[in-house]
Amino acid sequence: MKVIAIIVALSAVALSKKLPDNFQICTHSDPKINECLKSAIQSALVQLRGGIAEIDAVPIDPMFIPNISVNRSQLAIGMANLRIFNMTNSVIESVKASITNKRFRALLVIKSAEVKVTMDFSLVGKLLFLNLNSGGKGEMLMKNAVIGISLNGGLTNDRQHYMLNTFAFKLNPESMTFYLDGLFGGQKAINDEVLKVLNENWNVLFKEIQLDLEDTLSNIFMDYSNNIFKYVPV
């Protein structure tokens, strides 16, 4: 009987969870669905900045990522304890959606004036003409980033809610600056000179980490979005 009581209690808690009343929701039959989604997503970014406790949605600004490992033929990059700041200040530029009572597809273009990432890093191998074997505290600062997002989904098994099957996140900054402490231990002059070279060729280092960073963010945002969709009826 105690087991049954616990199950009933947990079910009651789950059923009581819902989105805040001021959380904007769009219906798939809305003839202006693109405009509605653009407004709704922009509003949601602000509301999700500090999380929504009612649905167990954690804060996304800063967004925490435990680690990302990048392994190339001549270079290994480790990034741990990443925190991504300012993504909720982004502007939704456009939304193109095709949504029915069975299918969910959308393309988003988002612009971010500045995105900052702090982390612990390690660099082992060859980058440009540099042989590196170092690690420390690091920061990446992206300026005027354009983010493209492609969403595809269908219905949950009970056919009451949408569920994303794919979430493709593409990140393209206009410029990028790296701050990496400890590249060459306490040799500040050498460290500063190497950083200057890296920042003059920022796109080379960015291309090394781009795919892994995008894949990680795609997975995080898909799980996060599906948690919200659980509370939005078709």
C-alpha atoms as a PDB file:
ATOM      1  CA  MET A   1       0.000   0.000   0.000  1.00  0.00           C
ATOM      2  CA  LYS A   2       2.882   2.363   0.772  1.00  0.00           C
ATOM      3  CA  VAL A   3       4.295   1.842  -2.740  1.00  0.00           C
ATOM      4  CA  ILE A   4       0.921   2.648  -4.320  1.00  0.00           C
ATOM      5  CA  ALA A   5       0.607   5.751  -2.145  1.00  0.00           C
ATOM      6  CA  ILE A   6       4.049   6.958  -3.228  1.00  0.00           C
ATOM      7  CA  ILE A   7       3.216   6.425  -6.919  1.00  0.00           C
ATOM      8  CA  VAL A   8      -0.060   8.308  -6.546  1.00  0.00           C
ATOM      9  CA  ALA A   9       1.692  11.142  -4.748  1.00  0.00           C
ATOM     10  CA  LEU A  10       4.384  11.428  -7.415  1.00  0.00           C
ATOM     11  CA  SER A  11       1.760  11.375 -10.175  1.00  0.00           C
ATOM     12  CA  ALA A  12      -0.141  14.166  -8.473  1.00  0.00           C
ATOM     13  CA  VAL A  13       3.001  16.289  -8.267  1.00  0.00           C
ATOM     14  CA  ALA A  14       3.764  15.695 -11.955  1.00  0.00           C
ATOM     15  CA  LEU A  15       0.236  16.593 -13.031  1.00  0.00           C
ATOM     16  CA  SER A  16       0.317  19.777 -10.958  1.00  0.00           C
ATOM     17  CA  LYS A  17       3.305  21.130 -12.867  1.00  0.00           C
ATOM     18  CA  LYS A  18       2.535  23.681 -15.545  1.00  0.00           C
ATOM     19  CA  LEU A  19       4.045  26.625 -17.363  1.00  0.00           C
ATOM     20  CA  PRO A  20       3.569  30.064 -15.801  1.00  0.00           C
ATOM     21  CA  ASP A  21       0.381  31.811 -16.900  1.00  0.00           C
ATOM     22  CA  ASN A  22       2.407  34.543 -18.642  1.00  0.00           C
ATOM     23  CA  PHE A  23       4.378  32.045 -20.760  1.00  0.00           C
ATOM     24  CA  GLN A  24       3.359  32.733 -24.357  1.00  0.00           C
ATOM     25  CA  ILE A  25       2.076  29.700 -26.283  1.00  0.00           C
ATOM     26  CA  CYS A  26       1.265  29.496 -29.999  1.00  0.00           C
ATOM     27  CA  THR A  27      -1.272  27.216 -31.692  1.00  0.00           C
ATOM     28  CA  HIS A  28      -0.318  25.347 -34.870  1.00  0.00           C
ATOM     29  CA  SER A  29      -3.451  26.623 -36.626  1.00  0.00           C
ATOM     30  CA  ASP A  30      -2.485  30.288 -36.140  1.00  0.00           C
ATOM     31  CA  PRO A  31      -2.284  31.855 -39.638  1.00  0.00           C
ATOM     32  CA  LYS A  32       0.506  34.083 -38.290  1.00  0.00           C
ATOM     33  CA  ILE A  33       2.426  31.242 -36.658  1.00  0.00           C
ATOM     34  CA  ASN A  34       5.841  32.637 -37.623  1.00  0.00           C
ATOM     35  CA  GLU A  35       5.139  35.976 -35.971  1.00  0.00           C
ATOM     36  CA  CYS A  36       3.686  34.249 -32.915  1.00  0.00           C
ATOM     37  CA  LEU A  37       6.685  31.946 -32.517  1.00  0.00           C
ATOM     38  CA  LYS A  38       9.131  34.820 -32.957  1.00  0.00           C
ATOM     39  CA  SER A  39       7.422  36.738 -30.161  1.00  0.00           C
ATOM     40  CA  ALA A  40       7.022  33.650 -27.963  1.00  0.00           C
ATOM     41  CA  ILE A  41      10.658  32.561 -28.244  1.00  0.00           C
ATOM     42  CA  GLN A  42      11.915  36.085 -27.577  1.00  0.00           C
ATOM     43  CA  SER A  43       9.753  36.246 -24.462  1.00  0.00           C
ATOM     44  CA  ALA A  44      10.815  32.755 -23.364  1.00  0.00           C
ATOM     45  CA  LEU A  45      14.498  33.696 -23.489  1.00  0.00           C
ATOM     46  CA  VAL A  46      13.880  36.334 -20.845  1.00  0.00           C
ATOM     47  CA  GLN A  47      11.747  34.038 -18.668  1.00  0.00           C
ATOM     48  CA  LEU A  48      14.194  31.150 -18.890  1.00  0.00           C
ATOM     49  CA  ARG A  49      17.197  33.276 -17.970  1.00  0.00           C
ATOM     50  CA  GLY A  50      16.761  32.396 -14.323  1.00  0.00           C
ATOM     51  CA  GLY A  51      14.947  29.114 -14.983  1.00  0.00           C
ATOM     52  CA  ILE A  52      11.352  28.143 -14.308  1.00  0.00           C
ATOM     53  CA  ALA A  53      11.084  26.165 -11.104  1.00  0.00           C
ATOM     54  CA  GLU A  54       7.500  25.083 -11.825  1.00  0.00           C
ATOM     55  CA  ILE A  55       8.695  22.767 -14.608  1.00  0.00           C
ATOM     56  CA  ASP A  56      12.212  22.050 -13.308  1.00  0.00           C
ATOM     57  CA  ALA A  57      13.802  24.173 -16.044  1.00  0.00           C
ATOM     58  CA  VAL A  58      17.260  25.241 -14.879  1.00  0.00           C
ATOM     59  CA  PRO A  59      18.654  28.742 -15.553  1.00  0.00           C
ATOM     60  CA  ILE A  60      20.224  29.159 -18.986  1.00  0.00           C
ATOM     61  CA  ASP A  61      22.169  32.360 -18.380  1.00  0.00           C
ATOM     62  CA  PRO A  62      24.810  31.457 -17.665  1.00  0.00           C
ATOM     63  CA  MET A  63      24.451  28.027 -19.222  1.00  0.00           C
ATOM     64  CA  PHE A  64      26.675  25.410 -17.605  1.00  0.00           C
ATOM     65  CA  ILE A  65      28.400  22.654 -19.607  1.00  0.00           C
ATOM     66  CA  PRO A  66      30.522  20.159 -17.623  1.00  0.00           C
ATOM     67  CA  ASN A  67      33.024  19.451 -20.381  1.00  0.00           C
ATOM     68  CA  ILE A  68      33.756  19.302 -24.102  1.00  0.00           C
ATOM     69  CA  SER A  69      36.622  17.270 -25.524  1.00  0.00           C
ATOM     70  CA  VAL A  70      38.025  17.926 -28.988  1.00  0.00           C
ATOM     71  CA  ASN A  71      40.443  15.433 -30.548  1.00  0.00           C
ATOM     72  CA  ARG A  72      42.030  16.171 -33.904  1.00  0.00           C
ATOM     73  CA  SER A  73      44.972  14.490 -35.637  1.00  0.00           C
ATOM     74  CA  GLN A  74      47.497  16.999 -34.279  1.00  0.00           C
ATOM     75  CA  LEU A  75      45.617  18.702 -31.471  1.00  0.00           C
ATOM     76  CA  ALA A  76      43.665  17.795 -28.347  1.00  0.00           C
ATOM     77  CA  ILE A  77      41.542  20.481 -26.685  1.00  0.00           C
ATOM     78  CA  GLY A  78      39.859  20.035 -23.342  1.00  0.00           C
ATOM     79  CA  MET A  79      37.264  22.475 -22.012  1.00  0.00           C
ATOM     80  CA  ALA A  80      35.674  21.983 -18.600  1.00  0.00           C
ATOM     81  CA  ASN A  81      33.258  23.897 -16.367  1.00  0.00           C
ATOM     82  CA  LEU A  82      32.072  26.029 -19.272  1.00  0.00           C
ATOM     83  CA  ARG A  83      29.704  28.874 -18.524  1.00  0.00           C
ATOM     84  CA  ILE A  84      28.033  30.668 -21.416  1.00  0.00           C
ATOM     85  CA  PHE A  85      26.801  34.197 -20.733  1.00  0.00           C
ATOM     86  CA  ASN A  86      24.432  36.594 -22.534  1.00  0.00           C
ATOM     87  CA  MET A  87      22.630  34.147 -24.827  1.00  0.00           C
ATOM     88  CA  THR A  88      19.293  35.284 -23.400  1.00  0.00           C
ATOM     89  CA  ASN A  89      20.080  38.791 -24.659  1.00  0.00           C
ATOM     90  CA  SER A  90      19.916  37.470 -28.213  1.00  0.00           C
ATOM     91  CA  VAL A  91      17.424  38.825 -30.731  1.00  0.00           C
ATOM     92  CA  ILE A  92      15.171  36.506 -32.731  1.00  0.00           C
ATOM     93  CA  GLU A  93      15.595  37.770 -36.279  1.00  0.00           C
ATOM     94  CA  SER A  94      13.275  35.377 -38.081  1.00  0.00           C
ATOM     95  CA  VAL A  95      11.240  32.188 -37.734  1.00  0.00           C
ATOM     96  CA  LYS A  96       9.983  30.029 -40.601  1.00  0.00           C
ATOM     97  CA  ALA A  97       7.793  27.219 -39.328  1.00  0.00           C
ATOM     98  CA  SER A  98       5.666  24.443 -40.785  1.00  0.00           C
ATOM     99  CA  ILE A  99       3.516  22.954 -38.036  1.00  0.00           C
ATOM    100  CA  THR A 100       0.564  20.607 -38.197  1.00  0.00           C
ATOM    101  CA  ASN A 101      -1.165  18.510 -35.555  1.00  0.00           C
ATOM    102  CA  LYS A 102       1.366  15.769 -36.368  1.00  0.00           C
ATOM    103  CA  ARG A 103       4.593  17.488 -37.315  1.00  0.00           C
ATOM    104  CA  PHE A 104       6.814  20.342 -36.115  1.00  0.00           C
ATOM    105  CA  ARG A 105       9.458  21.975 -38.315  1.00  0.00           C
ATOM    106  CA  ALA A 106      11.088  25.354 -37.892  1.00  0.00           C
ATOM    107  CA  LEU A 107      14.100  27.381 -38.960  1.00  0.00           C
ATOM    108  CA  LEU A 108      15.320  30.176 -36.694  1.00  0.00           C
ATOM    109  CA  VAL A 109      17.863  32.922 -37.222  1.00  0.00           C
ATOM    110  CA  ILE A 110      19.120  34.535 -34.022  1.00  0.00           C
ATOM    111  CA  LYS A 111      21.645  37.327 -33.511  1.00  0.00           C
ATOM    112  CA  SER A 112      23.777  37.860 -30.427  1.00  0.00           C
ATOM    113  CA  ALA A 113      25.788  41.047 -30.038  1.00  0.00           C
ATOM    114  CA  GLU A 114      28.128  39.429 -27.517  1.00  0.00           C
ATOM    115  CA  VAL A 115      28.475  35.926 -26.085  1.00  0.00           C
ATOM    116  CA  LYS A 116      31.064  35.184 -23.407  1.00  0.00           C
ATOM    117  CA  VAL A 117      32.307  31.726 -22.453  1.00  0.00           C
ATOM    118  CA  THR A 118      34.464  31.060 -19.394  1.00  0.00           C
ATOM    119  CA  MET A 119      36.152  27.697 -18.810  1.00  0.00           C
ATOM    120  CA  ASP A 120      39.104  25.648 -17.694  1.00  0.00           C
ATOM    121  CA  PHE A 121      41.121  24.625 -20.740  1.00  0.00           C
ATOM    122  CA  SER A 122      43.924  22.391 -21.919  1.00  0.00           C
ATOM    123  CA  LEU A 123      45.746  22.473 -25.255  1.00  0.00           C
ATOM    124  CA  VAL A 124      48.046  19.644 -26.280  1.00  0.00           C
ATOM    125  CA  GLY A 125      49.499  19.398 -29.778  1.00  0.00           C
ATOM    126  CA  LYS A 126      50.157  21.652 -32.738  1.00  0.00           C
ATOM    127  CA  LEU A 127      48.121  24.720 -33.711  1.00  0.00           C
ATOM    128  CA  LEU A 128      49.352  27.010 -36.485  1.00  0.00           C
ATOM    129  CA  PHE A 129      53.144  26.880 -35.982  1.00  0.00           C
ATOM    130  CA  LEU A 130      52.857  26.438 -32.201  1.00  0.00           C
ATOM    131  CA  ASN A 131      53.605  23.311 -30.201  1.00  0.00           C
ATOM    132  CA  LEU A 132      51.385  23.522 -27.145  1.00  0.00           C
ATOM    133  CA  ASN A 133      51.142  21.599 -23.902  1.00  0.00           C
ATOM    134  CA  SER A 134      49.390  23.830 -21.429  1.00  0.00           C
ATOM    135  CA  GLY A 135      46.215  24.575 -19.519  1.00  0.00           C
ATOM    136  CA  GLY A 136      44.562  27.058 -17.207  1.00  0.00           C
ATOM    137  CA  LYS A 137      41.677  29.480 -17.040  1.00  0.00           C
ATOM    138  CA  GLY A 138      40.249  30.662 -20.314  1.00  0.00           C
ATOM    139  CA  GLU A 139      37.630  32.897 -21.868  1.00  0.00           C
ATOM    140  CA  MET A 140      36.141  33.243 -25.340  1.00  0.00           C
ATOM    141  CA  LEU A 141      34.366  36.416 -26.393  1.00  0.00           C
ATOM    142  CA  MET A 142      32.227  36.271 -29.536  1.00  0.00           C
ATOM    143  CA  LYS A 143      30.982  39.408 -31.243  1.00  0.00           C
ATOM    144  CA  ASN A 144      27.957  39.744 -33.537  1.00  0.00           C
ATOM    145  CA  ALA A 145      27.238  36.044 -33.680  1.00  0.00           C
ATOM    146  CA  VAL A 146      24.593  34.712 -36.056  1.00  0.00           C
ATOM    147  CA  ILE A 147      22.956  31.521 -34.805  1.00  0.00           C
ATOM    148  CA  GLY A 148      20.996  29.266 -37.119  1.00  0.00           C
ATOM    149  CA  ILE A 149      18.696  26.646 -35.613  1.00  0.00           C
ATOM    150  CA  SER A 150      16.831  23.881 -37.438  1.00  0.00           C
ATOM    151  CA  LEU A 151      14.120  21.975 -35.550  1.00  0.00           C
ATOM    152  CA  ASN A 152      12.281  18.811 -36.543  1.00  0.00           C
ATOM    153  CA  GLY A 153       9.841  16.814 -34.479  1.00  0.00           C
ATOM    154  CA  GLY A 154       6.651  14.830 -34.240  1.00  0.00           C
ATOM    155  CA  LEU A 155       4.268  13.745 -31.510  1.00  0.00           C
ATOM    156  CA  THR A 156       4.836  11.945 -28.234  1.00  0.00           C
ATOM    157  CA  ASN A 157       3.446   8.420 -27.866  1.00  0.00           C
ATOM    158  CA  ASP A 158       0.253   9.730 -26.292  1.00  0.00           C
ATOM    159  CA  ARG A 159      -0.104  12.156 -29.244  1.00  0.00           C
ATOM    160  CA  GLN A 160      -0.790  15.009 -26.840  1.00  0.00           C
ATOM    161  CA  HIS A 161       2.479  16.925 -27.155  1.00  0.00           C
ATOM    162  CA  TYR A 162       5.228  17.698 -29.638  1.00  0.00           C
ATOM    163  CA  MET A 163       8.675  16.180 -29.223  1.00  0.00           C
ATOM    164  CA  LEU A 164      11.780  17.270 -31.104  1.00  0.00           C
ATOM    165  CA  ASN A 165      13.772  14.559 -32.848  1.00  0.00           C
ATOM    166  CA  THR A 166      16.536  16.796 -34.160  1.00  0.00           C
ATOM    167  CA  PHE A 167      17.938  20.161 -33.079  1.00  0.00           C
ATOM    168  CA  ALA A 168      20.756  21.567 -35.217  1.00  0.00           C
ATOM    169  CA  PHE A 169      22.592  24.560 -33.736  1.00  0.00           C
ATOM    170  CA  LYS A 170      24.990  26.496 -36.008  1.00  0.00           C
ATOM    171  CA  LEU A 171      27.163  29.276 -34.621  1.00  0.00           C
ATOM    172  CA  ASN A 172      28.895  31.924 -36.766  1.00  0.00           C
ATOM    173  CA  PRO A 173      30.564  34.823 -34.946  1.00  0.00           C
ATOM    174  CA  GLU A 174      31.770  37.880 -36.837  1.00  0.00           C
ATOM    175  CA  SER A 175      34.855  38.015 -34.644  1.00  0.00           C
ATOM    176  CA  MET A 176      36.254  36.239 -31.612  1.00  0.00           C
ATOM    177  CA  THR A 177      38.802  36.959 -28.896  1.00  0.00           C
ATOM    178  CA  PHE A 178      40.501  34.340 -26.726  1.00  0.00           C
ATOM    179  CA  TYR A 179      41.951  34.955 -23.272  1.00  0.00           C
ATOM    180  CA  LEU A 180      44.013  31.962 -22.159  1.00  0.00           C
ATOM    181  CA  ASP A 181      46.074  32.075 -18.979  1.00  0.00           C
ATOM    182  CA  GLY A 182      49.032  29.774 -18.511  1.00  0.00           C
ATOM    183  CA  LEU A 183      49.863  28.970 -22.129  1.00  0.00           C
ATOM    184  CA  PHE A 184      53.531  29.202 -21.210  1.00  0.00           C
ATOM    185  CA  GLY A 185      53.441  29.144 -17.438  1.00  0.00           C
ATOM    186  CA  GLY A 186      54.527  32.401 -15.861  1.00  0.00           C
ATOM    187  CA  GLN A 187      56.182  33.758 -18.986  1.00  0.00           C
ATOM    188  CA  LYS A 188      53.808  36.654 -19.523  1.00  0.00           C
ATOM    189  CA  ALA A 189      55.609  38.227 -22.475  1.00  0.00           C
ATOM    190  CA  ILE A 190      55.574  34.961 -24.459  1.00  0.00           C
ATOM    191  CA  ASN A 191      52.000  34.228 -23.376  1.00  0.00           C
ATOM    192  CA  ASP A 192      50.818  37.654 -24.578  1.00  0.00           C
ATOM    193  CA  GLU A 193      52.622  37.303 -27.910  1.00  0.00           C
ATOM    194  CA  VAL A 194      51.158  33.853 -28.574  1.00  0.00           C
ATOM    195  CA  LEU A 195      47.674  35.095 -27.654  1.00  0.00           C
ATOM    196  CA  LYS A 196      48.102  37.945 -30.102  1.00  0.00           C
ATOM    197  CA  VAL A 197      48.866  35.468 -32.883  1.00  0.00           C
ATOM    198  CA  LEU A 198      45.933  33.233 -31.893  1.00  0.00           C
ATOM    199  CA  ASN A 199      43.524  36.152 -31.855  1.00  0.00           C
ATOM    200  CA  GLU A 200      44.751  37.394 -35.214  1.00  0.00           C
ATOM    201  CA  ASN A 201      43.895  33.911 -36.497  1.00  0.00           C
ATOM    202  CA  TRP A 202      40.883  33.317 -34.238  1.00  0.00           C
ATOM    203  CA  ASN A 203      38.951  31.495 -36.959  1.00  0.00           C
ATOM    204  CA  VAL A 204      41.581  28.713 -37.027  1.00  0.00           C
ATOM    205  CA  LEU A 205      41.098  27.860 -33.339  1.00  0.00           C
ATOM    206  CA  PHE A 206      37.346  28.373 -33.584  1.00  0.00           C
ATOM    207  CA  LYS A 207      37.055  25.898 -36.458  1.00  0.00           C
ATOM    208  CA  GLU A 208      38.811  23.304 -34.303  1.00  0.00           C
ATOM    209  CA  ILE A 209      36.144  23.533 -31.587  1.00  0.00           C
ATOM    210  CA  GLN A 210      33.107  24.640 -33.618  1.00  0.00           C
ATOM    211  CA  LEU A 211      31.533  21.268 -34.431  1.00  0.00           C
ATOM    212  CA  ASP A 212      31.926  19.859 -30.919  1.00  0.00           C
ATOM    213  CA  LEU A 213      30.572  23.052 -29.354  1.00  0.00           C
ATOM    214  CA  GLU A 214      27.600  23.107 -31.749  1.00  0.00           C
ATOM    215  CA  ASP A 215      26.823  19.415 -31.178  1.00  0.00           C
ATOM    216  CA  THR A 216      26.914  19.882 -27.404  1.00  0.00           C
ATOM    217  CA  LEU A 217      24.623  22.916 -27.528  1.00  0.00           C
ATOM    218  CA  SER A 218      22.266  21.113 -29.931  1.00  0.00           C
ATOM    219  CA  ASN A 219      21.827  18.226 -27.489  1.00  0.00           C
ATOM    220  CA  ILE A 220      21.378  20.509 -24.480  1.00  0.00           C
ATOM    221  CA  PHE A 221      18.803  22.727 -26.186  1.00  0.00           C
ATOM    222  CA  MET A 222      16.860  19.764 -27.595  1.00  0.00           C
ATOM    223  CA  ASP A 223      16.495  18.225 -24.141  1.00  0.00           C
ATOM    224  CA  TYR A 224      15.608  21.626 -22.699  1.00  0.00           C
ATOM    225  CA  SER A 225      13.011  22.301 -25.411  1.00  0.00           C
ATOM    226  CA  ASN A 226      11.423  18.871 -25.041  1.00  0.00           C
ATOM    227  CA  ASN A 227      11.015  19.474 -21.330  1.00  0.00           C
ATOM    228  CA  ILE A 228       9.006  22.610 -22.159  1.00  0.00           C
ATOM    229  CA  PHE A 229       6.975  20.878 -24.880  1.00  0.00           C
ATOM    230  CA  LYS A 230       5.728  18.414 -22.242  1.00  0.00           C
ATOM    231  CA  TYR A 231       3.572  21.242 -20.910  1.00  0.00           C
ATOM    232  CA  VAL A 232       2.290  22.513 -24.259  1.00  0.00           C
ATOM    233  CA  PRO A 233      -0.683  20.621 -25.738  1.00  0.00           C
ATOM    234  CA  VAL A 234      -0.844  20.048 -29.495  1.00  0.00           C
END
